[in-house]
Amino acid sequence: MAMAMAKGGGGGRRRGRRGGKNAPMSEINVTPMVDVMLVLLIIFMVAAPLMTVGVPIDLPQTQAKQLNTDQKPVTVSVNSAGLVYVGESPVEISGIVAAVMAAAANGTEDRIYVRGDMSANYGTVMQVMGALSGAGFTKIGLLTDQEQR
């Protein structure tokens, strides 16, 4: 009797399964995708603060909307003491054109962003913009912070 029960189990096959052992698996394993996404999230969280310009400036606030650009612009900063920076390196106003030309990949076709501190001398900001405009740069913009409502 014990022999008959062991043999009558259907030969070890489950009921309703088709194709046997070599059938394709119909489930998606999402564990590797989640692992990759978590690693990318950590990388972007660490790298995002490093992408900002390092000169501390208190920008004025406006209601203007943010511009969408596909290229990385050259950033010129004027702090409250009147010091001028191209990127993060300090320059004299007389050497601003040479420094911006060295940083601009496309020459005078690059977009230049001028970041002026709220308490910076207006004349210094205008001297920087005038020097850049006189050198042939036409895409010069002033940066501000979004106004909090």
Protein backbone atom coordinates (compact mmCIF):
# COMPACT_ATOMS: atom_id res chain seq x y z
CA MET A 1 0.00 0.00 0.00
CA ALA A 2 2.83 2.40 0.78
CA MET A 3 4.31 1.74 -2.65
CA ALA A 4 1.13 2.69 -4.38
CA MET A 5 0.85 6.04 -2.61
CA ALA A 6 4.41 7.08 -3.38
CA LYS A 7 4.01 6.23 -7.03
CA GLY A 8 0.59 7.82 -7.51
CA GLY A 9 1.78 11.36 -6.77
CA GLY A 10 1.92 12.38 -10.41
CA GLY A 11 5.60 11.78 -11.04
CA GLY A 12 6.81 14.87 -9.17
CA ARG A 13 5.19 17.39 -11.49
CA ARG A 14 3.04 20.18 -10.23
CA ARG A 15 -0.39 20.55 -11.57
CA GLY A 16 -0.99 23.41 -14.03
CA ARG A 17 2.64 24.17 -14.87
CA ARG A 18 3.55 24.17 -18.53
CA GLY A 19 6.87 23.86 -20.28
CA GLY A 20 8.83 21.98 -17.67
CA LYS A 21 12.12 23.08 -16.13
CA ASN A 22 13.34 25.20 -19.06
CA ALA A 23 10.32 27.49 -19.28
CA PRO A 24 11.11 31.24 -19.13
CA MET A 25 10.55 32.92 -15.81
CA SER A 26 7.67 35.40 -16.02
CA GLU A 27 8.63 37.43 -12.92
CA ILE A 28 10.92 40.45 -12.98
CA ASN A 29 13.64 40.66 -10.37
CA VAL A 30 13.66 44.31 -9.27
CA THR A 31 16.33 43.98 -6.58
CA PRO A 32 19.29 44.91 -8.85
CA MET A 33 17.37 47.90 -10.21
CA VAL A 34 16.61 49.14 -6.69
CA ASP A 35 20.27 48.73 -5.73
CA VAL A 36 21.43 50.78 -8.72
CA MET A 37 18.84 53.49 -8.04
CA LEU A 38 19.90 53.80 -4.40
CA VAL A 39 23.55 54.12 -5.38
CA LEU A 40 22.69 56.81 -7.95
CA LEU A 41 20.58 58.65 -5.39
CA ILE A 42 23.48 58.72 -2.94
CA ILE A 43 25.90 59.89 -5.64
CA PHE A 44 23.61 62.75 -6.69
CA MET A 45 22.93 63.75 -3.08
CA VAL A 46 26.67 64.03 -2.46
CA ALA A 47 27.49 65.71 -5.78
CA ALA A 48 24.66 68.29 -5.85
CA PRO A 49 26.15 70.65 -3.24
CA LEU A 50 29.49 70.53 -5.05
CA MET A 51 27.94 71.84 -8.30
CA THR A 52 27.17 75.28 -6.90
CA VAL A 53 29.53 78.22 -7.16
CA GLY A 54 31.60 78.51 -4.00
CA VAL A 55 31.60 82.30 -3.50
CA PRO A 56 29.09 83.16 -0.73
CA ILE A 57 26.78 85.91 -2.00
CA ASP A 58 23.48 87.23 -0.66
CA LEU A 59 21.49 87.53 -3.90
CA PRO A 60 18.50 89.86 -4.16
CA GLN A 61 15.09 88.20 -4.49
CA THR A 62 12.71 88.72 -7.41
CA GLN A 63 9.62 87.09 -8.87
CA ALA A 64 11.38 86.18 -12.13
CA LYS A 65 11.21 82.56 -13.23
CA GLN A 66 14.25 80.33 -13.55
CA LEU A 67 15.87 80.02 -17.00
CA ASN A 68 16.39 76.60 -18.55
CA THR A 69 19.82 76.27 -20.14
CA ASP A 70 21.56 73.28 -21.62
CA GLN A 71 25.13 74.60 -21.29
CA LYS A 72 27.04 75.42 -18.14
CA PRO A 73 27.41 79.21 -18.07
CA VAL A 74 30.42 81.19 -16.90
CA THR A 75 29.64 82.77 -13.53
CA VAL A 76 31.11 86.12 -12.45
CA SER A 77 30.48 87.07 -8.81
CA VAL A 78 30.80 90.41 -7.01
CA ASN A 79 30.70 90.10 -3.21
CA SER A 80 29.78 92.73 -0.63
CA ALA A 81 33.44 93.88 -0.30
CA GLY A 82 33.63 94.60 -4.05
CA LEU A 83 35.89 91.64 -4.88
CA VAL A 84 35.26 90.04 -8.29
CA TYR A 85 35.43 86.28 -8.92
CA VAL A 86 35.25 84.22 -12.12
CA GLY A 87 33.92 80.88 -10.95
CA GLU A 88 35.71 80.57 -7.62
CA SER A 89 38.98 82.34 -8.45
CA PRO A 90 39.40 86.04 -7.59
CA VAL A 91 40.35 88.45 -10.39
CA GLU A 92 40.89 92.18 -10.78
CA ILE A 93 38.29 94.17 -12.73
CA SER A 94 40.99 95.06 -15.28
CA GLY A 95 41.60 91.33 -15.95
CA ILE A 96 37.97 90.24 -16.00
CA VAL A 97 37.76 89.93 -19.80
CA ALA A 98 40.85 87.71 -20.05
CA ALA A 99 39.62 85.48 -17.21
CA VAL A 100 36.15 85.09 -18.72
CA MET A 101 37.61 84.40 -22.19
CA ALA A 102 39.75 81.63 -20.65
CA ALA A 103 36.68 80.12 -18.94
CA ALA A 104 34.35 80.45 -21.94
CA ALA A 105 34.38 77.40 -24.19
CA ASN A 106 32.67 79.12 -27.16
CA GLY A 107 34.25 82.55 -26.82
CA THR A 108 31.80 85.45 -26.89
CA GLU A 109 28.87 83.12 -27.65
CA ASP A 110 28.84 81.70 -24.11
CA ARG A 111 26.26 82.82 -21.58
CA ILE A 112 27.72 84.88 -18.72
CA TYR A 113 25.90 85.09 -15.38
CA VAL A 114 26.76 87.99 -13.08
CA ARG A 115 26.00 87.37 -9.39
CA GLY A 116 26.02 90.61 -7.44
CA ASP A 117 25.65 90.62 -3.66
CA MET A 118 22.66 92.61 -2.41
CA SER A 119 24.96 94.95 -0.50
CA ALA A 120 27.59 95.18 -3.29
CA ASN A 121 28.37 98.52 -4.88
CA TYR A 122 26.14 98.97 -7.94
CA GLY A 123 29.00 100.69 -9.76
CA THR A 124 31.26 97.64 -9.41
CA VAL A 125 28.59 95.36 -10.86
CA MET A 126 28.07 97.78 -13.75
CA GLN A 127 31.83 98.00 -14.38
CA VAL A 128 31.98 94.22 -14.68
CA MET A 129 28.99 94.13 -17.03
CA GLY A 130 30.37 97.03 -19.09
CA ALA A 131 33.77 95.37 -19.48
CA LEU A 132 32.16 92.10 -20.60
CA SER A 133 29.78 93.87 -22.98
CA GLY A 134 32.64 95.91 -24.43
CA ALA A 135 34.58 92.69 -25.08
CA GLY A 136 31.76 91.38 -27.28
CA PHE A 137 29.78 89.21 -24.87
CA THR A 138 26.08 89.65 -25.66
CA LYS A 139 24.50 86.97 -23.47
CA ILE A 140 25.03 88.54 -20.04
CA GLY A 141 22.46 87.97 -17.31
CA LEU A 142 22.03 88.97 -13.68
CA LEU A 143 21.23 86.22 -11.18
CA THR A 144 18.75 86.60 -8.33
CA ASP A 145 17.09 84.32 -5.80
CA GLN A 146 13.44 83.31 -6.13
CA GLU A 147 11.31 85.51 -3.86
CA GLN A 148 9.67 83.62 -0.99
CA ARG A 149 5.94 84.23 -0.65
